[in-house]
Amino acid sequence: EEARIDHVSQIIEPAIHNNKIVITDRYI
């Protein structure tokens, strides 16, 4: 969970807000 919160806040959310298509190898 700690790793995921960091992952989402640092990688996923900023990428989505910049109109990226994000593909994650493993998730929830």
PDB file of all heavy atoms in Angstrom:
ATOM      1  N   GLU A   1       0.829  -1.208   0.000  1.00  0.00           N
ATOM      2  CA  GLU A   1       0.000   0.000   0.000  1.00  0.00           C
ATOM      3  C   GLU A   1       0.864   1.259   0.000  1.00  0.00           C
ATOM      4  O   GLU A   1       0.558   2.237  -0.696  1.00  0.00           O
ATOM      5  CB  GLU A   1      -0.938  -0.007   1.200  1.00  0.00           C
ATOM      6  CG  GLU A   1      -2.074  -1.009   1.082  1.00  0.00           C
ATOM      7  CD  GLU A   1      -2.970  -1.032   2.302  1.00  0.00           C
ATOM      8  OE1 GLU A   1      -2.487  -0.696   3.407  1.00  0.00           O
ATOM      9  OE2 GLU A   1      -4.148  -1.390   2.150  1.00  0.00           O
ATOM     10  N   GLU A   2       1.926   1.245   0.788  1.00  0.00           N
ATOM     11  CA  GLU A   2       2.822   2.395   0.823  1.00  0.00           C
ATOM     12  C   GLU A   2       3.447   2.628  -0.551  1.00  0.00           C
ATOM     13  O   GLU A   2       3.516   3.772  -1.037  1.00  0.00           O
ATOM     14  CB  GLU A   2       3.925   2.162   1.871  1.00  0.00           C
ATOM     15  CG  GLU A   2       4.888   3.327   2.010  1.00  0.00           C
ATOM     16  CD  GLU A   2       5.984   3.076   3.023  1.00  0.00           C
ATOM     17  OE1 GLU A   2       6.007   1.980   3.638  1.00  0.00           O
ATOM     18  OE2 GLU A   2       6.837   3.972   3.199  1.00  0.00           O
ATOM     19  N   ALA A   3       3.882   1.541  -1.178  1.00  0.00           N
ATOM     20  CA  ALA A   3       4.470   1.658  -2.509  1.00  0.00           C
ATOM     21  C   ALA A   3       3.441   2.151  -3.521  1.00  0.00           C
ATOM     22  O   ALA A   3       3.753   2.968  -4.401  1.00  0.00           O
ATOM     23  CB  ALA A   3       5.044   0.310  -2.942  1.00  0.00           C
ATOM     24  N   ARG A   4       2.199   1.676  -3.406  1.00  0.00           N
ATOM     25  CA  ARG A   4       1.169   2.068  -4.383  1.00  0.00           C
ATOM     26  C   ARG A   4       0.809   3.542  -4.258  1.00  0.00           C
ATOM     27  O   ARG A   4       0.645   4.222  -5.280  1.00  0.00           O
ATOM     28  CB  ARG A   4      -0.078   1.203  -4.226  1.00  0.00           C
ATOM     29  CG  ARG A   4      -1.203   1.620  -5.195  1.00  0.00           C
ATOM     30  CD  ARG A   4      -2.260   0.564  -5.324  1.00  0.00           C
ATOM     31  NE  ARG A   4      -1.676  -0.654  -5.833  1.00  0.00           N
ATOM     32  CZ  ARG A   4      -1.815  -1.865  -5.245  1.00  0.00           C
ATOM     33  NH1 ARG A   4      -2.537  -1.986  -4.148  1.00  0.00           N
ATOM     34  NH2 ARG A   4      -1.238  -2.912  -5.775  1.00  0.00           N
ATOM     35  N   ILE A   5       0.659   4.042  -3.054  1.00  0.00           N
ATOM     36  CA  ILE A   5       0.341   5.456  -2.882  1.00  0.00           C
ATOM     37  C   ILE A   5       1.429   6.321  -3.518  1.00  0.00           C
ATOM     38  O   ILE A   5       1.153   7.304  -4.221  1.00  0.00           O
ATOM     39  CB  ILE A   5       0.161   5.796  -1.391  1.00  0.00           C
ATOM     40  CG1 ILE A   5      -1.132   5.157  -0.868  1.00  0.00           C
ATOM     41  CG2 ILE A   5       0.127   7.303  -1.176  1.00  0.00           C
ATOM     42  CD1 ILE A   5      -1.281   5.233   0.633  1.00  0.00           C
ATOM     43  N   ASP A   6       2.678   5.949  -3.305  1.00  0.00           N
ATOM     44  CA  ASP A   6       3.788   6.684  -3.907  1.00  0.00           C
ATOM     45  C   ASP A   6       3.749   6.554  -5.427  1.00  0.00           C
ATOM     46  O   ASP A   6       3.950   7.535  -6.154  1.00  0.00           O
ATOM     47  CB  ASP A   6       5.105   6.150  -3.352  1.00  0.00           C
ATOM     48  CG  ASP A   6       6.291   7.016  -3.728  1.00  0.00           C
ATOM     49  OD1 ASP A   6       6.277   8.218  -3.382  1.00  0.00           O
ATOM     50  OD2 ASP A   6       7.228   6.506  -4.373  1.00  0.00           O
ATOM     51  N   HIS A   7       3.464   5.371  -5.904  1.00  0.00           N
ATOM     52  CA  HIS A   7       3.399   5.104  -7.347  1.00  0.00           C
ATOM     53  C   HIS A   7       2.305   5.932  -8.011  1.00  0.00           C
ATOM     54  O   HIS A   7       2.519   6.567  -9.050  1.00  0.00           O
ATOM     55  CB  HIS A   7       3.136   3.603  -7.548  1.00  0.00           C
ATOM     56  CG  HIS A   7       3.148   3.153  -8.971  1.00  0.00           C
ATOM     57  ND1 HIS A   7       2.301   2.186  -9.440  1.00  0.00           N
ATOM     58  CD2 HIS A   7       3.895   3.540 -10.024  1.00  0.00           C
ATOM     59  CE1 HIS A   7       2.537   1.982 -10.718  1.00  0.00           C
ATOM     60  NE2 HIS A   7       3.496   2.787 -11.094  1.00  0.00           N
ATOM     61  N   VAL A   8       1.137   5.947  -7.404  1.00  0.00           N
ATOM     62  CA  VAL A   8       0.008   6.694  -7.969  1.00  0.00           C
ATOM     63  C   VAL A   8       0.290   8.190  -7.932  1.00  0.00           C
ATOM     64  O   VAL A   8       0.078   8.902  -8.926  1.00  0.00           O
ATOM     65  CB  VAL A   8      -1.297   6.356  -7.219  1.00  0.00           C
ATOM     66  CG1 VAL A   8      -2.408   7.326  -7.618  1.00  0.00           C
ATOM     67  CG2 VAL A   8      -1.722   4.924  -7.516  1.00  0.00           C
ATOM     68  N   SER A   9       0.776   8.686  -6.803  1.00  0.00           N
ATOM     69  CA  SER A   9       0.977  10.133  -6.660  1.00  0.00           C
ATOM     70  C   SER A   9       2.128  10.647  -7.513  1.00  0.00           C
ATOM     71  O   SER A   9       2.067  11.769  -8.039  1.00  0.00           O
ATOM     72  CB  SER A   9       1.211  10.501  -5.192  1.00  0.00           C
ATOM     73  OG  SER A   9       2.423   9.944  -4.712  1.00  0.00           O
ATOM     74  N   GLN A  10       3.160   9.826  -7.687  1.00  0.00           N
ATOM     75  CA  GLN A  10       4.350  10.281  -8.398  1.00  0.00           C
ATOM     76  C   GLN A  10       4.333   9.961  -9.891  1.00  0.00           C
ATOM     77  O   GLN A  10       4.935  10.691 -10.690  1.00  0.00           O
ATOM     78  CB  GLN A  10       5.610   9.650  -7.769  1.00  0.00           C
ATOM     79  CG  GLN A  10       5.844  10.010  -6.328  1.00  0.00           C
ATOM     80  CD  GLN A  10       6.059  11.498  -6.127  1.00  0.00           C
ATOM     81  OE1 GLN A  10       6.778  12.138  -6.885  1.00  0.00           O
ATOM     82  NE2 GLN A  10       5.431  12.064  -5.107  1.00  0.00           N
ATOM     83  N   ILE A  11       3.675   8.882 -10.277  1.00  0.00           N
ATOM     84  CA  ILE A  11       3.733   8.423 -11.670  1.00  0.00           C
ATOM     85  C   ILE A  11       2.364   8.470 -12.353  1.00  0.00           C
ATOM     86  O   ILE A  11       2.180   9.138 -13.374  1.00  0.00           O
ATOM     87  CB  ILE A  11       4.290   6.988 -11.756  1.00  0.00           C
ATOM     88  CG1 ILE A  11       5.680   6.907 -11.116  1.00  0.00           C
ATOM     89  CG2 ILE A  11       4.326   6.518 -13.218  1.00  0.00           C
ATOM     90  CD1 ILE A  11       6.761   7.661 -11.845  1.00  0.00           C
ATOM     91  N   ILE A  12       1.389   7.760 -11.793  1.00  0.00           N
ATOM     92  CA  ILE A  12       0.136   7.538 -12.505  1.00  0.00           C
ATOM     93  C   ILE A  12      -0.695   8.811 -12.626  1.00  0.00           C
ATOM     94  O   ILE A  12      -1.099   9.201 -13.737  1.00  0.00           O
ATOM     95  CB  ILE A  12      -0.665   6.403 -11.835  1.00  0.00           C
ATOM     96  CG1 ILE A  12       0.078   5.065 -12.025  1.00  0.00           C
ATOM     97  CG2 ILE A  12      -2.076   6.324 -12.418  1.00  0.00           C
ATOM     98  CD1 ILE A  12      -0.569   3.888 -11.340  1.00  0.00           C
ATOM     99  N   GLU A  13      -0.967   9.479 -11.506  1.00  0.00           N
ATOM    100  CA  GLU A  13      -1.808  10.682 -11.559  1.00  0.00           C
ATOM    101  C   GLU A  13      -1.192  11.782 -12.432  1.00  0.00           C
ATOM    102  O   GLU A  13      -1.886  12.338 -13.284  1.00  0.00           O
ATOM    103  CB  GLU A  13      -2.069  11.196 -10.144  1.00  0.00           C
ATOM    104  CG  GLU A  13      -3.154  10.436  -9.407  1.00  0.00           C
ATOM    105  CD  GLU A  13      -4.522  11.096  -9.574  1.00  0.00           C
ATOM    106  OE1 GLU A  13      -4.610  12.317  -9.457  1.00  0.00           O
ATOM    107  OE2 GLU A  13      -5.492  10.360  -9.809  1.00  0.00           O
ATOM    108  N   PRO A  14       0.083  12.120 -12.261  1.00  0.00           N
ATOM    109  CA  PRO A  14       0.655  13.160 -13.136  1.00  0.00           C
ATOM    110  C   PRO A  14       0.601  12.786 -14.615  1.00  0.00           C
ATOM    111  O   PRO A  14       0.346  13.644 -15.462  1.00  0.00           O
ATOM    112  CB  PRO A  14       2.106  13.263 -12.647  1.00  0.00           C
ATOM    113  CG  PRO A  14       2.067  12.797 -11.231  1.00  0.00           C
ATOM    114  CD  PRO A  14       1.043  11.697 -11.211  1.00  0.00           C
ATOM    115  N   ALA A  15       0.829  11.501 -14.925  1.00  0.00           N
ATOM    116  CA  ALA A  15       0.796  11.079 -16.322  1.00  0.00           C
ATOM    117  C   ALA A  15      -0.605  11.225 -16.901  1.00  0.00           C
ATOM    118  O   ALA A  15      -0.788  11.712 -18.027  1.00  0.00           O
ATOM    119  CB  ALA A  15       1.276   9.641 -16.439  1.00  0.00           C
ATOM    120  N   ILE A  16      -1.608  10.799 -16.154  1.00  0.00           N
ATOM    121  CA  ILE A  16      -2.988  10.906 -16.626  1.00  0.00           C
ATOM    122  C   ILE A  16      -3.375  12.369 -16.822  1.00  0.00           C
ATOM    123  O   ILE A  16      -4.029  12.730 -17.810  1.00  0.00           O
ATOM    124  CB  ILE A  16      -3.936  10.183 -15.649  1.00  0.00           C
ATOM    125  CG1 ILE A  16      -3.753   8.667 -15.785  1.00  0.00           C
ATOM    126  CG2 ILE A  16      -5.393  10.565 -15.918  1.00  0.00           C
ATOM    127  CD1 ILE A  16      -4.499   7.856 -14.770  1.00  0.00           C
ATOM    128  N   HIS A  17      -2.959  13.218 -15.925  1.00  0.00           N
ATOM    129  CA  HIS A  17      -3.274  14.645 -16.044  1.00  0.00           C
ATOM    130  C   HIS A  17      -2.569  15.282 -17.235  1.00  0.00           C
ATOM    131  O   HIS A  17      -2.980  16.347 -17.706  1.00  0.00           O
ATOM    132  CB  HIS A  17      -2.898  15.376 -14.764  1.00  0.00           C
ATOM    133  CG  HIS A  17      -3.792  15.027 -13.619  1.00  0.00           C
ATOM    134  ND1 HIS A  17      -3.501  15.343 -12.306  1.00  0.00           N
ATOM    135  CD2 HIS A  17      -4.986  14.366 -13.574  1.00  0.00           C
ATOM    136  CE1 HIS A  17      -4.472  14.896 -11.518  1.00  0.00           C
ATOM    137  NE2 HIS A  17      -5.369  14.308 -12.265  1.00  0.00           N
ATOM    138  N   ASN A  18      -1.517  14.626 -17.725  1.00  0.00           N
ATOM    139  CA  ASN A  18      -0.813  15.087 -18.923  1.00  0.00           C
ATOM    140  C   ASN A  18      -1.237  14.307 -20.168  1.00  0.00           C
ATOM    141  O   ASN A  18      -0.513  14.254 -21.162  1.00  0.00           O
ATOM    142  CB  ASN A  18       0.700  14.963 -18.728  1.00  0.00           C
ATOM    143  CG  ASN A  18       1.255  16.078 -17.859  1.00  0.00           C
ATOM    144  OD1 ASN A  18       1.112  17.257 -18.181  1.00  0.00           O
ATOM    145  ND2 ASN A  18       1.875  15.724 -16.749  1.00  0.00           N
ATOM    146  N   ASN A  19      -2.446  13.714 -20.084  1.00  0.00           N
ATOM    147  CA  ASN A  19      -3.059  13.013 -21.226  1.00  0.00           C
ATOM    148  C   ASN A  19      -2.244  11.823 -21.721  1.00  0.00           C
ATOM    149  O   ASN A  19      -2.253  11.509 -22.915  1.00  0.00           O
ATOM    150  CB  ASN A  19      -3.304  14.000 -22.383  1.00  0.00           C
ATOM    151  CG  ASN A  19      -4.280  15.092 -21.991  1.00  0.00           C
ATOM    152  OD1 ASN A  19      -5.323  14.823 -21.394  1.00  0.00           O
ATOM    153  ND2 ASN A  19      -3.940  16.332 -22.324  1.00  0.00           N
ATOM    154  N   LYS A  20      -1.577  11.155 -20.803  1.00  0.00           N
ATOM    155  CA  LYS A  20      -0.867   9.929 -21.149  1.00  0.00           C
ATOM    156  C   LYS A  20      -1.798   8.727 -20.998  1.00  0.00           C
ATOM    157  O   LYS A  20      -2.752   8.749 -20.210  1.00  0.00           O
ATOM    158  CB  LYS A  20       0.355   9.732 -20.250  1.00  0.00           C
ATOM    159  CG  LYS A  20       1.366  10.869 -20.292  1.00  0.00           C
ATOM    160  CD  LYS A  20       2.014  11.009 -21.642  1.00  0.00           C
ATOM    161  CE  LYS A  20       3.118  12.052 -21.615  1.00  0.00           C
ATOM    162  NZ  LYS A  20       3.733  12.249 -22.949  1.00  0.00           N
ATOM    163  N   ILE A  21      -1.509   7.695 -21.751  1.00  0.00           N
ATOM    164  CA  ILE A  21      -2.150   6.391 -21.567  1.00  0.00           C
ATOM    165  C   ILE A  21      -1.187   5.567 -20.712  1.00  0.00           C
ATOM    166  O   ILE A  21      -0.052   5.291 -21.123  1.00  0.00           O
ATOM    167  CB  ILE A  21      -2.390   5.689 -22.915  1.00  0.00           C
ATOM    168  CG1 ILE A  21      -3.333   6.518 -23.789  1.00  0.00           C
ATOM    169  CG2 ILE A  21      -2.945   4.283 -22.699  1.00  0.00           C
ATOM    170  CD1 ILE A  21      -3.380   6.057 -25.240  1.00  0.00           C
ATOM    171  N   VAL A  22      -1.609   5.214 -19.518  1.00  0.00           N
ATOM    172  CA  VAL A  22      -0.721   4.529 -18.577  1.00  0.00           C
ATOM    173  C   VAL A  22      -1.035   3.026 -18.582  1.00  0.00           C
ATOM    174  O   VAL A  22      -2.188   2.626 -18.405  1.00  0.00           O
ATOM    175  CB  VAL A  22      -0.883   5.074 -17.149  1.00  0.00           C
ATOM    176  CG1 VAL A  22       0.073   4.370 -16.193  1.00  0.00           C
ATOM    177  CG2 VAL A  22      -0.640   6.584 -17.126  1.00  0.00           C
ATOM    178  N   ILE A  23      -0.006   2.213 -18.771  1.00  0.00           N
ATOM    179  CA  ILE A  23      -0.128   0.762 -18.659  1.00  0.00           C
ATOM    180  C   ILE A  23       0.755   0.319 -17.503  1.00  0.00           C
ATOM    181  O   ILE A  23       1.972   0.532 -17.525  1.00  0.00           O
ATOM    182  CB  ILE A  23       0.305   0.039 -19.948  1.00  0.00           C
ATOM    183  CG1 ILE A  23      -0.518   0.527 -21.142  1.00  0.00           C
ATOM    184  CG2 ILE A  23       0.165  -1.477 -19.782  1.00  0.00           C
ATOM    185  CD1 ILE A  23      -0.074  -0.067 -22.476  1.00  0.00           C
ATOM    186  N   THR A  24       0.157  -0.282 -16.492  1.00  0.00           N
ATOM    187  CA  THR A  24       0.926  -0.742 -15.339  1.00  0.00           C
ATOM    188  C   THR A  24       0.939  -2.266 -15.269  1.00  0.00           C
ATOM    189  O   THR A  24      -0.095  -2.915 -15.393  1.00  0.00           O
ATOM    190  CB  THR A  24       0.395  -0.142 -14.018  1.00  0.00           C
ATOM    191  OG1 THR A  24       1.189  -0.644 -12.931  1.00  0.00           O
ATOM    192  CG2 THR A  24      -1.068  -0.456 -13.776  1.00  0.00           C
ATOM    193  N   ASP A  25       2.127  -2.793 -15.110  1.00  0.00           N
ATOM    194  CA  ASP A  25       2.332  -4.236 -14.958  1.00  0.00           C
ATOM    195  C   ASP A  25       2.151  -4.557 -13.472  1.00  0.00           C
ATOM    196  O   ASP A  25       3.029  -4.315 -12.662  1.00  0.00           O
ATOM    197  CB  ASP A  25       3.743  -4.592 -15.430  1.00  0.00           C
ATOM    198  CG  ASP A  25       4.022  -6.078 -15.429  1.00  0.00           C
ATOM    199  OD1 ASP A  25       3.226  -6.842 -14.839  1.00  0.00           O
ATOM    200  OD2 ASP A  25       5.043  -6.486 -16.018  1.00  0.00           O
ATOM    201  N   ARG A  26       0.986  -5.060 -13.142  1.00  0.00           N
ATOM    202  CA  ARG A  26       0.455  -5.313 -11.801  1.00  0.00           C
ATOM    203  C   ARG A  26      -0.113  -4.024 -11.204  1.00  0.00           C
ATOM    204  O   ARG A  26       0.393  -2.935 -11.417  1.00  0.00           O
ATOM    205  CB  ARG A  26       1.469  -5.932 -10.828  1.00  0.00           C
ATOM    206  CG  ARG A  26       1.882  -7.331 -11.186  1.00  0.00           C
ATOM    207  CD  ARG A  26       2.336  -8.120  -9.967  1.00  0.00           C
ATOM    208  NE  ARG A  26       2.748  -9.453 -10.336  1.00  0.00           N
ATOM    209  CZ  ARG A  26       1.901 -10.446 -10.610  1.00  0.00           C
ATOM    210  NH1 ARG A  26       0.603 -10.222 -10.545  1.00  0.00           N
ATOM    211  NH2 ARG A  26       2.337 -11.631 -10.928  1.00  0.00           N
ATOM    212  N   TYR A  27      -1.201  -4.255 -10.436  1.00  0.00           N
ATOM    213  CA  TYR A  27      -1.848  -3.113  -9.789  1.00  0.00           C
ATOM    214  C   TYR A  27      -2.738  -3.648  -8.673  1.00  0.00           C
ATOM    215  O   TYR A  27      -2.407  -4.644  -8.019  1.00  0.00           O
ATOM    216  CB  TYR A  27      -2.616  -2.298 -10.843  1.00  0.00           C
ATOM    217  CG  TYR A  27      -3.008  -0.911 -10.409  1.00  0.00           C
ATOM    218  CD1 TYR A  27      -2.108  -0.055  -9.778  1.00  0.00           C
ATOM    219  CD2 TYR A  27      -4.293  -0.431 -10.657  1.00  0.00           C
ATOM    220  CE1 TYR A  27      -2.482   1.229  -9.390  1.00  0.00           C
ATOM    221  CE2 TYR A  27      -4.672   0.851 -10.283  1.00  0.00           C
ATOM    222  CZ  TYR A  27      -3.761   1.675  -9.648  1.00  0.00           C
ATOM    223  OH  TYR A  27      -4.134   2.933  -9.263  1.00  0.00           O
ATOM    224  N   ILE A  28      -3.870  -3.034  -8.459  1.00  0.00           N
ATOM    225  CA  ILE A  28      -4.716  -3.352  -7.313  1.00  0.00           C
ATOM    226  C   ILE A  28      -5.209  -4.796  -7.336  1.00  0.00           C
ATOM    227  O   ILE A  28      -5.341  -5.437  -6.285  1.00  0.00           O
ATOM    228  CB  ILE A  28      -5.899  -2.372  -7.255  1.00  0.00           C
ATOM    229  CG1 ILE A  28      -5.377  -0.952  -6.988  1.00  0.00           C
ATOM    230  CG2 ILE A  28      -6.894  -2.764  -6.176  1.00  0.00           C
ATOM    231  CD1 ILE A  28      -6.406   0.132  -7.196  1.00  0.00           C
TER     232      ILE A  28
END
